[in-house]
Amino acid sequence: MIYLVLGTPDSGKSRRAEDLVAEIAGNEPKYYIATMIPFGESGKERVKKHRKMREGKGFETIEKTIKVHELIDELGNLPKATCLLECMSNLVGNEMHEEQNLPKSCEEIADYITESVMSLAQQAENMVIVANSFPLEGESYDEDTKKYVRIVDMVNKNLKSRVDKIYELI
């Protein structure tokens, strides 16, 4: 099964995703796929907070900030595992930064990221994907941020059409 936990920043989506993994994984292996690159003090504090949240929950943390599909070859035992991918917005930003010199459309970037995540998800016993949602209208973003928000939205829409169950938090 593939689950999507979608919400605004600070909506409780990370806690909900971890609770969901606990519900569905039982004693099977649990991988926490961390996509955040901890830039600056606030980034380091956020990583610290998330590590503390999952203490004692049986997760093996794997830091993979781009190309998550490569974990299929690296882990090898995904058919018996539940994976929690935290968070799609970090993955999108990382992939955009990594590919910044390539002339790709928003659609191509969104499709690449979606396929990378879905190929990993299809190998796991269960996959819980955490994703941020951002307002597309009414915000004054610079051009790079507008592109980022558009791609996050496209990836979210792609995932919504391909997962088994969606939890939306506000």
N, C-alpha and C. Protein backbone atom coordinates (compact mmCIF):
# COMPACT_ATOMS: atom_id res chain seq x y z
N MET A 1 0.84 -1.19 0.00
CA MET A 1 0.00 0.00 0.00
C MET A 1 0.88 1.25 0.00
N ILE A 2 0.40 2.26 -0.67
CA ILE A 2 1.09 3.54 -0.72
C ILE A 2 0.15 4.61 -0.17
N TYR A 3 0.64 5.33 0.83
CA TYR A 3 -0.14 6.35 1.52
C TYR A 3 0.49 7.71 1.29
N LEU A 4 -0.33 8.74 1.20
CA LEU A 4 0.13 10.11 1.09
C LEU A 4 -0.44 10.89 2.26
N VAL A 5 0.44 11.52 3.05
CA VAL A 5 0.03 12.37 4.15
C VAL A 5 0.39 13.79 3.73
N LEU A 6 -0.64 14.58 3.47
CA LEU A 6 -0.48 15.89 2.86
C LEU A 6 -1.00 16.96 3.82
N GLY A 7 -0.26 18.06 3.94
CA GLY A 7 -0.73 19.14 4.79
C GLY A 7 0.16 20.36 4.71
N THR A 8 -0.31 21.41 5.31
CA THR A 8 0.46 22.64 5.38
C THR A 8 1.61 22.45 6.37
N PRO A 9 2.63 23.29 6.30
CA PRO A 9 3.69 23.20 7.30
C PRO A 9 3.09 23.32 8.71
N ASP A 10 3.61 22.55 9.63
CA ASP A 10 3.17 22.55 11.02
C ASP A 10 1.73 22.08 11.22
N SER A 11 1.23 21.24 10.30
CA SER A 11 -0.14 20.72 10.42
C SER A 11 -0.21 19.42 11.22
N GLY A 12 0.96 18.87 11.59
CA GLY A 12 0.99 17.59 12.29
C GLY A 12 1.14 16.40 11.36
N LYS A 13 1.46 16.67 10.11
CA LYS A 13 1.54 15.58 9.13
C LYS A 13 2.67 14.60 9.44
N SER A 14 3.78 15.07 9.98
CA SER A 14 4.89 14.16 10.30
C SER A 14 4.50 13.19 11.41
N ARG A 15 3.87 13.70 12.43
CA ARG A 15 3.43 12.83 13.53
C ARG A 15 2.39 11.84 13.03
N ARG A 16 1.46 12.32 12.20
CA ARG A 16 0.43 11.41 11.65
C ARG A 16 1.08 10.32 10.81
N ALA A 17 2.07 10.68 10.02
CA ALA A 17 2.75 9.69 9.18
C ALA A 17 3.48 8.65 10.03
N GLU A 18 4.15 9.10 11.09
CA GLU A 18 4.85 8.15 11.97
C GLU A 18 3.87 7.23 12.68
N ASP A 19 2.73 7.77 13.11
CA ASP A 19 1.69 6.94 13.74
C ASP A 19 1.15 5.92 12.74
N LEU A 20 0.97 6.35 11.51
CA LEU A 20 0.48 5.44 10.47
C LEU A 20 1.47 4.31 10.23
N VAL A 21 2.74 4.63 10.16
CA VAL A 21 3.76 3.58 9.99
C VAL A 21 3.71 2.59 11.15
N ALA A 22 3.57 3.10 12.36
CA ALA A 22 3.47 2.22 13.53
C ALA A 22 2.26 1.29 13.41
N GLU A 23 1.15 1.82 12.91
CA GLU A 23 -0.07 1.02 12.75
C GLU A 23 0.10 -0.10 11.73
N ILE A 24 0.74 0.20 10.61
CA ILE A 24 0.76 -0.76 9.51
C ILE A 24 1.99 -1.65 9.47
N ALA A 25 3.10 -1.25 10.09
CA ALA A 25 4.35 -1.99 9.93
C ALA A 25 4.51 -3.14 10.92
N GLY A 26 3.92 -3.01 12.07
CA GLY A 26 4.11 -4.06 13.07
C GLY A 26 5.58 -4.22 13.41
N ASN A 27 6.06 -5.46 13.37
CA ASN A 27 7.47 -5.73 13.69
C ASN A 27 8.37 -5.77 12.46
N GLU A 28 7.82 -5.49 11.30
CA GLU A 28 8.63 -5.47 10.08
C GLU A 28 9.58 -4.27 10.10
N PRO A 29 10.64 -4.31 9.31
CA PRO A 29 11.58 -3.18 9.27
C PRO A 29 10.89 -1.88 8.85
N LYS A 30 11.37 -0.77 9.44
CA LYS A 30 10.84 0.56 9.14
C LYS A 30 12.01 1.46 8.74
N TYR A 31 11.93 2.00 7.55
CA TYR A 31 12.95 2.94 7.09
C TYR A 31 12.37 4.35 7.07
N TYR A 32 13.10 5.28 7.66
CA TYR A 32 12.75 6.69 7.59
C TYR A 32 13.70 7.31 6.58
N ILE A 33 13.17 7.69 5.44
CA ILE A 33 13.99 8.27 4.38
C ILE A 33 13.94 9.79 4.55
N ALA A 34 15.04 10.32 5.05
CA ALA A 34 15.13 11.75 5.38
C ALA A 34 15.68 12.50 4.17
N THR A 35 14.92 13.46 3.66
CA THR A 35 15.33 14.19 2.47
C THR A 35 15.85 15.59 2.75
N MET A 36 15.80 16.03 4.00
CA MET A 36 16.18 17.41 4.31
C MET A 36 17.69 17.57 4.43
N ILE A 37 18.19 18.59 3.79
CA ILE A 37 19.57 19.02 3.98
C ILE A 37 19.51 20.12 5.05
N PRO A 38 20.11 19.91 6.21
CA PRO A 38 19.94 20.85 7.32
C PRO A 38 20.80 22.11 7.19
N PHE A 39 20.33 23.04 6.36
CA PHE A 39 21.03 24.31 6.19
C PHE A 39 20.75 25.22 7.38
N GLY A 40 21.77 25.86 7.90
CA GLY A 40 21.62 26.85 8.96
C GLY A 40 21.12 26.27 10.27
N GLU A 41 20.98 27.14 11.24
CA GLU A 41 20.53 26.72 12.57
C GLU A 41 19.10 26.21 12.56
N SER A 42 18.22 26.87 11.81
CA SER A 42 16.82 26.43 11.80
C SER A 42 16.70 25.04 11.17
N GLY A 43 17.48 24.77 10.14
CA GLY A 43 17.47 23.45 9.53
C GLY A 43 17.98 22.38 10.48
N LYS A 44 19.05 22.71 11.19
CA LYS A 44 19.61 21.76 12.17
C LYS A 44 18.61 21.48 13.29
N GLU A 45 17.91 22.52 13.73
CA GLU A 45 16.90 22.35 14.79
C GLU A 45 15.74 21.50 14.31
N ARG A 46 15.33 21.69 13.08
CA ARG A 46 14.23 20.89 12.52
C ARG A 46 14.60 19.42 12.44
N VAL A 47 15.81 19.13 11.98
CA VAL A 47 16.28 17.75 11.91
C VAL A 47 16.34 17.14 13.31
N LYS A 48 16.85 17.90 14.26
CA LYS A 48 16.93 17.45 15.65
C LYS A 48 15.53 17.12 16.19
N LYS A 49 14.57 18.01 15.92
CA LYS A 49 13.19 17.80 16.36
C LYS A 49 12.62 16.50 15.78
N HIS A 50 12.83 16.28 14.49
CA HIS A 50 12.29 15.08 13.83
C HIS A 50 12.98 13.80 14.33
N ARG A 51 14.27 13.88 14.59
CA ARG A 51 14.96 12.71 15.15
C ARG A 51 14.39 12.35 16.52
N LYS A 52 14.15 13.37 17.33
CA LYS A 52 13.59 13.15 18.67
C LYS A 52 12.18 12.56 18.57
N MET A 53 11.39 13.02 17.60
CA MET A 53 10.03 12.52 17.42
C MET A 53 10.00 11.01 17.13
N ARG A 54 11.01 10.52 16.44
CA ARG A 54 10.97 9.10 16.06
C ARG A 54 11.84 8.20 16.95
N GLU A 55 12.41 8.77 18.01
CA GLU A 55 13.19 7.96 18.95
C GLU A 55 12.34 6.82 19.51
N GLY A 56 12.92 5.63 19.56
CA GLY A 56 12.25 4.48 20.16
C GLY A 56 11.13 3.89 19.32
N LYS A 57 10.97 4.34 18.08
CA LYS A 57 9.89 3.84 17.23
C LYS A 57 10.36 2.77 16.25
N GLY A 58 11.63 2.41 16.32
CA GLY A 58 12.13 1.32 15.48
C GLY A 58 12.51 1.69 14.07
N PHE A 59 12.67 2.97 13.79
CA PHE A 59 13.06 3.40 12.45
C PHE A 59 14.57 3.27 12.26
N GLU A 60 14.95 2.84 11.08
CA GLU A 60 16.33 3.00 10.63
C GLU A 60 16.31 4.21 9.70
N THR A 61 17.08 5.24 10.05
CA THR A 61 17.08 6.46 9.26
C THR A 61 18.09 6.36 8.13
N ILE A 62 17.64 6.73 6.95
CA ILE A 62 18.48 6.77 5.77
C ILE A 62 18.37 8.17 5.19
N GLU A 63 19.48 8.84 5.06
CA GLU A 63 19.47 10.17 4.49
C GLU A 63 19.71 10.06 2.99
N LYS A 64 18.70 10.49 2.24
CA LYS A 64 18.77 10.44 0.78
C LYS A 64 18.08 11.70 0.27
N THR A 65 18.86 12.67 -0.15
CA THR A 65 18.32 13.98 -0.47
C THR A 65 17.95 14.16 -1.94
N ILE A 66 18.40 13.26 -2.81
CA ILE A 66 18.02 13.27 -4.23
C ILE A 66 17.97 11.81 -4.71
N LYS A 67 17.33 11.62 -5.85
CA LYS A 67 17.32 10.32 -6.53
C LYS A 67 16.97 9.16 -5.59
N VAL A 68 15.82 9.27 -4.93
CA VAL A 68 15.44 8.26 -3.95
C VAL A 68 15.28 6.87 -4.57
N HIS A 69 15.03 6.79 -5.86
CA HIS A 69 14.90 5.48 -6.51
C HIS A 69 16.18 4.65 -6.39
N GLU A 70 17.32 5.30 -6.18
CA GLU A 70 18.58 4.56 -6.03
C GLU A 70 18.60 3.69 -4.78
N LEU A 71 17.70 3.95 -3.83
CA LEU A 71 17.64 3.14 -2.61
C LEU A 71 17.22 1.70 -2.88
N ILE A 72 16.57 1.46 -4.00
CA ILE A 72 16.15 0.10 -4.35
C ILE A 72 17.36 -0.82 -4.36
N ASP A 73 18.42 -0.40 -5.02
CA ASP A 73 19.64 -1.21 -5.08
C ASP A 73 20.41 -1.18 -3.78
N GLU A 74 20.37 -0.07 -3.06
CA GLU A 74 21.14 0.07 -1.83
C GLU A 74 20.56 -0.72 -0.66
N LEU A 75 19.23 -0.83 -0.58
CA LEU A 75 18.61 -1.47 0.58
C LEU A 75 18.36 -2.97 0.38
N GLY A 76 17.89 -3.34 -0.78
CA GLY A 76 17.75 -4.75 -1.09
C GLY A 76 16.58 -5.48 -0.45
N ASN A 77 16.12 -5.12 0.73
CA ASN A 77 15.07 -5.88 1.38
C ASN A 77 13.77 -5.09 1.52
N LEU A 78 13.49 -4.22 0.61
CA LEU A 78 12.29 -3.40 0.68
C LEU A 78 10.98 -4.18 0.68
N PRO A 79 10.90 -5.34 0.04
CA PRO A 79 9.60 -6.03 0.06
C PRO A 79 9.10 -6.38 1.46
N LYS A 80 9.95 -6.38 2.45
CA LYS A 80 9.53 -6.69 3.81
C LYS A 80 9.48 -5.44 4.69
N ALA A 81 9.63 -4.27 4.11
CA ALA A 81 9.77 -3.05 4.90
C ALA A 81 8.65 -2.05 4.62
N THR A 82 8.44 -1.19 5.62
CA THR A 82 7.60 -0.01 5.44
C THR A 82 8.53 1.19 5.43
N CYS A 83 8.38 2.02 4.42
CA CYS A 83 9.21 3.21 4.28
C CYS A 83 8.38 4.46 4.54
N LEU A 84 8.99 5.41 5.22
CA LEU A 84 8.39 6.73 5.42
C LEU A 84 9.31 7.73 4.74
N LEU A 85 8.83 8.37 3.71
CA LEU A 85 9.61 9.38 3.00
C LEU A 85 9.19 10.76 3.50
N GLU A 86 10.13 11.47 4.10
CA GLU A 86 9.85 12.77 4.73
C GLU A 86 10.84 13.78 4.18
N CYS A 87 10.55 14.65 3.40
CA CYS A 87 9.30 15.17 2.93
C CYS A 87 9.46 15.52 1.45
N MET A 88 8.40 15.43 0.70
CA MET A 88 8.45 15.69 -0.74
C MET A 88 8.90 17.12 -1.06
N SER A 89 8.53 18.09 -0.26
CA SER A 89 8.93 19.47 -0.57
C SER A 89 10.45 19.64 -0.48
N ASN A 90 11.08 18.94 0.48
CA ASN A 90 12.55 18.97 0.54
C ASN A 90 13.13 18.29 -0.69
N LEU A 91 12.58 17.15 -1.06
CA LEU A 91 13.08 16.41 -2.22
C LEU A 91 12.97 17.25 -3.49
N VAL A 92 11.84 17.94 -3.65
CA VAL A 92 11.66 18.79 -4.83
C VAL A 92 12.73 19.88 -4.85
N GLY A 93 12.91 20.58 -3.74
CA GLY A 93 13.92 21.63 -3.68
C GLY A 93 15.32 21.12 -3.97
N ASN A 94 15.64 19.96 -3.40
CA ASN A 94 16.97 19.37 -3.61
C ASN A 94 17.17 18.99 -5.08
N GLU A 95 16.16 18.35 -5.67
CA GLU A 95 16.27 17.95 -7.07
C GLU A 95 16.38 19.18 -7.98
N MET A 96 15.61 20.21 -7.67
CA MET A 96 15.69 21.44 -8.48
C MET A 96 17.08 22.06 -8.39
N HIS A 97 17.65 22.07 -7.20
CA HIS A 97 18.99 22.63 -7.02
C HIS A 97 20.02 21.78 -7.76
N GLU A 98 19.90 20.48 -7.65
CA GLU A 98 20.83 19.55 -8.30
C GLU A 98 20.78 19.69 -9.81
N GLU A 99 19.60 19.94 -10.33
CA GLU A 99 19.40 19.98 -11.78
C GLU A 99 19.28 21.41 -12.31
N GLN A 100 19.74 22.40 -11.54
CA GLN A 100 19.47 23.79 -11.88
C GLN A 100 20.01 24.23 -13.24
N ASN A 101 21.02 23.59 -13.74
CA ASN A 101 21.58 24.03 -15.02
C ASN A 101 20.96 23.34 -16.23
N LEU A 102 20.06 22.40 -15.98
CA LEU A 102 19.42 21.71 -17.08
C LEU A 102 18.12 22.41 -17.47
N PRO A 103 17.89 22.62 -18.76
CA PRO A 103 16.65 23.28 -19.18
C PRO A 103 15.48 22.30 -19.19
N LYS A 104 14.81 22.17 -18.06
CA LYS A 104 13.67 21.27 -17.96
C LYS A 104 12.45 22.08 -17.58
N SER A 105 11.33 21.64 -18.09
CA SER A 105 10.08 22.30 -17.72
C SER A 105 9.65 21.84 -16.34
N CYS A 106 8.73 22.58 -15.75
CA CYS A 106 8.18 22.19 -14.45
C CYS A 106 7.57 20.80 -14.54
N GLU A 107 6.87 20.52 -15.62
CA GLU A 107 6.23 19.21 -15.79
C GLU A 107 7.25 18.09 -15.84
N GLU A 108 8.36 18.30 -16.55
CA GLU A 108 9.39 17.27 -16.63
C GLU A 108 10.04 17.01 -15.27
N ILE A 109 10.29 18.05 -14.52
CA ILE A 109 10.88 17.89 -13.18
C ILE A 109 9.89 17.16 -12.28
N ALA A 110 8.63 17.58 -12.30
CA ALA A 110 7.60 16.94 -11.47
C ALA A 110 7.44 15.47 -11.83
N ASP A 111 7.43 15.17 -13.12
CA ASP A 111 7.29 13.77 -13.55
C ASP A 111 8.49 12.93 -13.12
N TYR A 112 9.69 13.48 -13.24
CA TYR A 112 10.90 12.76 -12.83
C TYR A 112 10.85 12.43 -11.33
N ILE A 113 10.50 13.42 -10.51
CA ILE A 113 10.44 13.21 -9.06
C ILE A 113 9.36 12.21 -8.71
N THR A 114 8.20 12.34 -9.33
CA THR A 114 7.11 11.39 -9.08
C THR A 114 7.53 9.98 -9.42
N GLU A 115 8.13 9.78 -10.57
CA GLU A 115 8.55 8.44 -10.98
C GLU A 115 9.63 7.87 -10.06
N SER A 116 10.54 8.71 -9.61
CA SER A 116 11.58 8.28 -8.68
C SER A 116 10.96 7.74 -7.39
N VAL A 117 10.02 8.51 -6.84
CA VAL A 117 9.36 8.12 -5.60
C VAL A 117 8.49 6.88 -5.81
N MET A 118 7.74 6.85 -6.90
CA MET A 118 6.84 5.72 -7.14
C MET A 118 7.62 4.42 -7.40
N SER A 119 8.76 4.50 -8.05
CA SER A 119 9.54 3.27 -8.26
C SER A 119 10.01 2.70 -6.94
N LEU A 120 10.39 3.56 -6.02
CA LEU A 120 10.77 3.12 -4.68
C LEU A 120 9.55 2.57 -3.94
N ALA A 121 8.44 3.30 -4.01
CA ALA A 121 7.22 2.89 -3.30
C ALA A 121 6.72 1.53 -3.77
N GLN A 122 6.84 1.24 -5.04
CA GLN A 122 6.35 -0.02 -5.57
C GLN A 122 7.19 -1.21 -5.14
N GLN A 123 8.38 -0.97 -4.64
CA GLN A 123 9.25 -2.04 -4.16
C GLN A 123 9.02 -2.37 -2.69
N ALA A 124 8.49 -1.41 -1.94
CA ALA A 124 8.32 -1.58 -0.50
C ALA A 124 7.01 -2.29 -0.19
N GLU A 125 6.98 -2.93 0.97
CA GLU A 125 5.72 -3.51 1.46
C GLU A 125 4.67 -2.41 1.59
N ASN A 126 5.06 -1.32 2.22
CA ASN A 126 4.21 -0.13 2.37
C ASN A 126 5.10 1.09 2.25
N MET A 127 4.52 2.17 1.76
CA MET A 127 5.23 3.44 1.67
C MET A 127 4.30 4.54 2.15
N VAL A 128 4.80 5.35 3.08
CA VAL A 128 4.08 6.53 3.55
C VAL A 128 4.89 7.73 3.08
N ILE A 129 4.24 8.58 2.31
CA ILE A 129 4.90 9.76 1.75
C ILE A 129 4.32 11.00 2.42
N VAL A 130 5.19 11.84 2.94
CA VAL A 130 4.77 13.10 3.56
C VAL A 130 5.01 14.22 2.55
N ALA A 131 4.00 15.08 2.39
CA ALA A 131 4.13 16.17 1.43
C ALA A 131 3.51 17.44 1.98
N ASN A 132 4.19 18.55 1.75
CA ASN A 132 3.65 19.86 2.10
C ASN A 132 2.75 20.34 0.99
N SER A 133 1.75 21.12 1.37
CA SER A 133 0.96 21.84 0.38
C SER A 133 1.11 23.32 0.69
N PHE A 134 1.27 24.10 -0.35
CA PHE A 134 1.46 25.53 -0.22
C PHE A 134 0.39 26.25 -1.02
N PRO A 135 -0.03 27.45 -0.57
CA PRO A 135 -1.00 28.20 -1.37
C PRO A 135 -0.38 28.64 -2.69
N LEU A 136 -1.13 28.43 -3.77
CA LEU A 136 -0.65 28.86 -5.08
C LEU A 136 -1.08 30.29 -5.39
N GLU A 137 -2.17 30.69 -4.80
CA GLU A 137 -2.73 32.03 -5.06
C GLU A 137 -2.61 32.89 -3.81
N GLY A 138 -2.55 34.18 -4.01
CA GLY A 138 -2.59 35.10 -2.89
C GLY A 138 -1.26 35.31 -2.18
N GLU A 139 -0.22 34.67 -2.63
CA GLU A 139 1.10 34.84 -2.02
C GLU A 139 1.99 35.59 -3.01
N SER A 140 2.92 36.36 -2.51
CA SER A 140 3.83 37.08 -3.39
C SER A 140 5.20 36.40 -3.35
N TYR A 141 5.36 35.41 -4.21
CA TYR A 141 6.61 34.65 -4.31
C TYR A 141 7.50 35.25 -5.40
N ASP A 142 8.81 35.13 -5.23
CA ASP A 142 9.71 35.48 -6.32
C ASP A 142 9.60 34.37 -7.38
N GLU A 143 10.23 34.58 -8.54
CA GLU A 143 10.06 33.65 -9.66
C GLU A 143 10.56 32.23 -9.34
N ASP A 144 11.71 32.12 -8.67
CA ASP A 144 12.22 30.79 -8.31
C ASP A 144 11.28 30.07 -7.35
N THR A 145 10.73 30.80 -6.39
CA THR A 145 9.80 30.19 -5.43
C THR A 145 8.50 29.81 -6.11
N LYS A 146 8.03 30.63 -7.05
CA LYS A 146 6.82 30.28 -7.81
C LYS A 146 7.02 28.96 -8.55
N LYS A 147 8.19 28.81 -9.17
CA LYS A 147 8.48 27.57 -9.89
C LYS A 147 8.49 26.39 -8.92
N TYR A 148 9.15 26.56 -7.79
CA TYR A 148 9.21 25.51 -6.77
C TYR A 148 7.80 25.12 -6.30
N VAL A 149 6.98 26.11 -5.96
CA VAL A 149 5.62 25.84 -5.47
C VAL A 149 4.80 25.14 -6.56
N ARG A 150 4.96 25.55 -7.82
CA ARG A 150 4.25 24.88 -8.93
C ARG A 150 4.66 23.42 -9.03
N ILE A 151 5.96 23.16 -8.92
CA ILE A 151 6.43 21.77 -9.04
C ILE A 151 5.95 20.94 -7.85
N VAL A 152 6.02 21.49 -6.64
CA VAL A 152 5.49 20.76 -5.48
C VAL A 152 4.02 20.42 -5.71
N ASP A 153 3.25 21.38 -6.19
CA ASP A 153 1.82 21.15 -6.46
C ASP A 153 1.63 20.06 -7.52
N MET A 154 2.43 20.10 -8.58
CA MET A 154 2.32 19.08 -9.64
C MET A 154 2.66 17.69 -9.10
N VAL A 155 3.72 17.60 -8.30
CA VAL A 155 4.09 16.30 -7.72
C VAL A 155 2.97 15.81 -6.82
N ASN A 156 2.41 16.69 -5.99
CA ASN A 156 1.30 16.30 -5.12
C ASN A 156 0.13 15.76 -5.93
N LYS A 157 -0.22 16.45 -7.01
CA LYS A 157 -1.32 15.99 -7.87
C LYS A 157 -0.98 14.64 -8.50
N ASN A 158 0.25 14.49 -8.98
CA ASN A 158 0.67 13.21 -9.54
C ASN A 158 0.53 12.09 -8.52
N LEU A 159 1.02 12.34 -7.31
CA LEU A 159 0.96 11.32 -6.25
C LEU A 159 -0.48 11.00 -5.87
N LYS A 160 -1.31 12.04 -5.74
CA LYS A 160 -2.71 11.81 -5.38
C LYS A 160 -3.39 10.84 -6.33
N SER A 161 -3.02 10.89 -7.59
CA SER A 161 -3.66 10.01 -8.57
C SER A 161 -3.09 8.59 -8.57
N ARG A 162 -2.01 8.36 -7.80
CA ARG A 162 -1.34 7.06 -7.86
C ARG A 162 -1.24 6.31 -6.54
N VAL A 163 -1.58 6.97 -5.43
CA VAL A 163 -1.48 6.31 -4.13
C VAL A 163 -2.78 5.60 -3.79
N ASP A 164 -2.70 4.71 -2.78
CA ASP A 164 -3.89 3.96 -2.37
C ASP A 164 -4.77 4.74 -1.40
N LYS A 165 -4.16 5.56 -0.55
CA LYS A 165 -4.92 6.28 0.47
C LYS A 165 -4.26 7.63 0.75
N ILE A 166 -5.11 8.65 0.94
CA ILE A 166 -4.63 10.01 1.18
C ILE A 166 -5.18 10.51 2.50
N TYR A 167 -4.29 11.12 3.30
CA TYR A 167 -4.68 11.80 4.52
C TYR A 167 -4.32 13.26 4.32
N GLU A 168 -5.32 14.16 4.36
CA GLU A 168 -5.05 15.58 4.20
C GLU A 168 -5.27 16.28 5.53
N LEU A 169 -4.24 16.96 6.00
CA LEU A 169 -4.30 17.70 7.26
C LEU A 169 -4.19 19.19 6.96
N ILE A 170 -4.83 19.97 7.77
CA ILE A 170 -4.78 21.43 7.57
C ILE A 170 -4.07 22.06 8.75
